[in-house]
Amino acid sequence: MNIEEFYKEDPRRRASGEADYGVWWRNERPFPRHRVSYIQATGEVYSVELMPGGAVDVLGQVEPDESDIYYRTLDGILDGWPEMCGTPNGLSWLRERLGGGA
């Protein structure tokens, strides 16, 4: 599904605050690149391919913190993400950290 279909599937997604976790994520191949974001209302961490009509993949789910500004729980789970963003198999690293396997 693409990003528009993803948002339409659950209206809470579009209205929610989001936090971005980088835009250069990839698998073993250098392209396509992916943006990774967290949706506070649903707790979903998802990736979307950076290309027209790019596919969306929910990588995992983390319950939101009480604060609507910082995501300490998710930040702790993804500790080290800036160094992993852009590396081969970075998306697999994310899935593993989020409990979704490789």
Foldseek 3Di string as FASTA:
>chain_A
DFPVVVCVVDVLQVVFDKDWLDFQADAQDRDDTWTWMAGQVFQWIWIFTPDVRTDIDTLAGDHADPDRPDRVVVCVLCPPSVVLRNDHHSSQVSSVSRVNHD
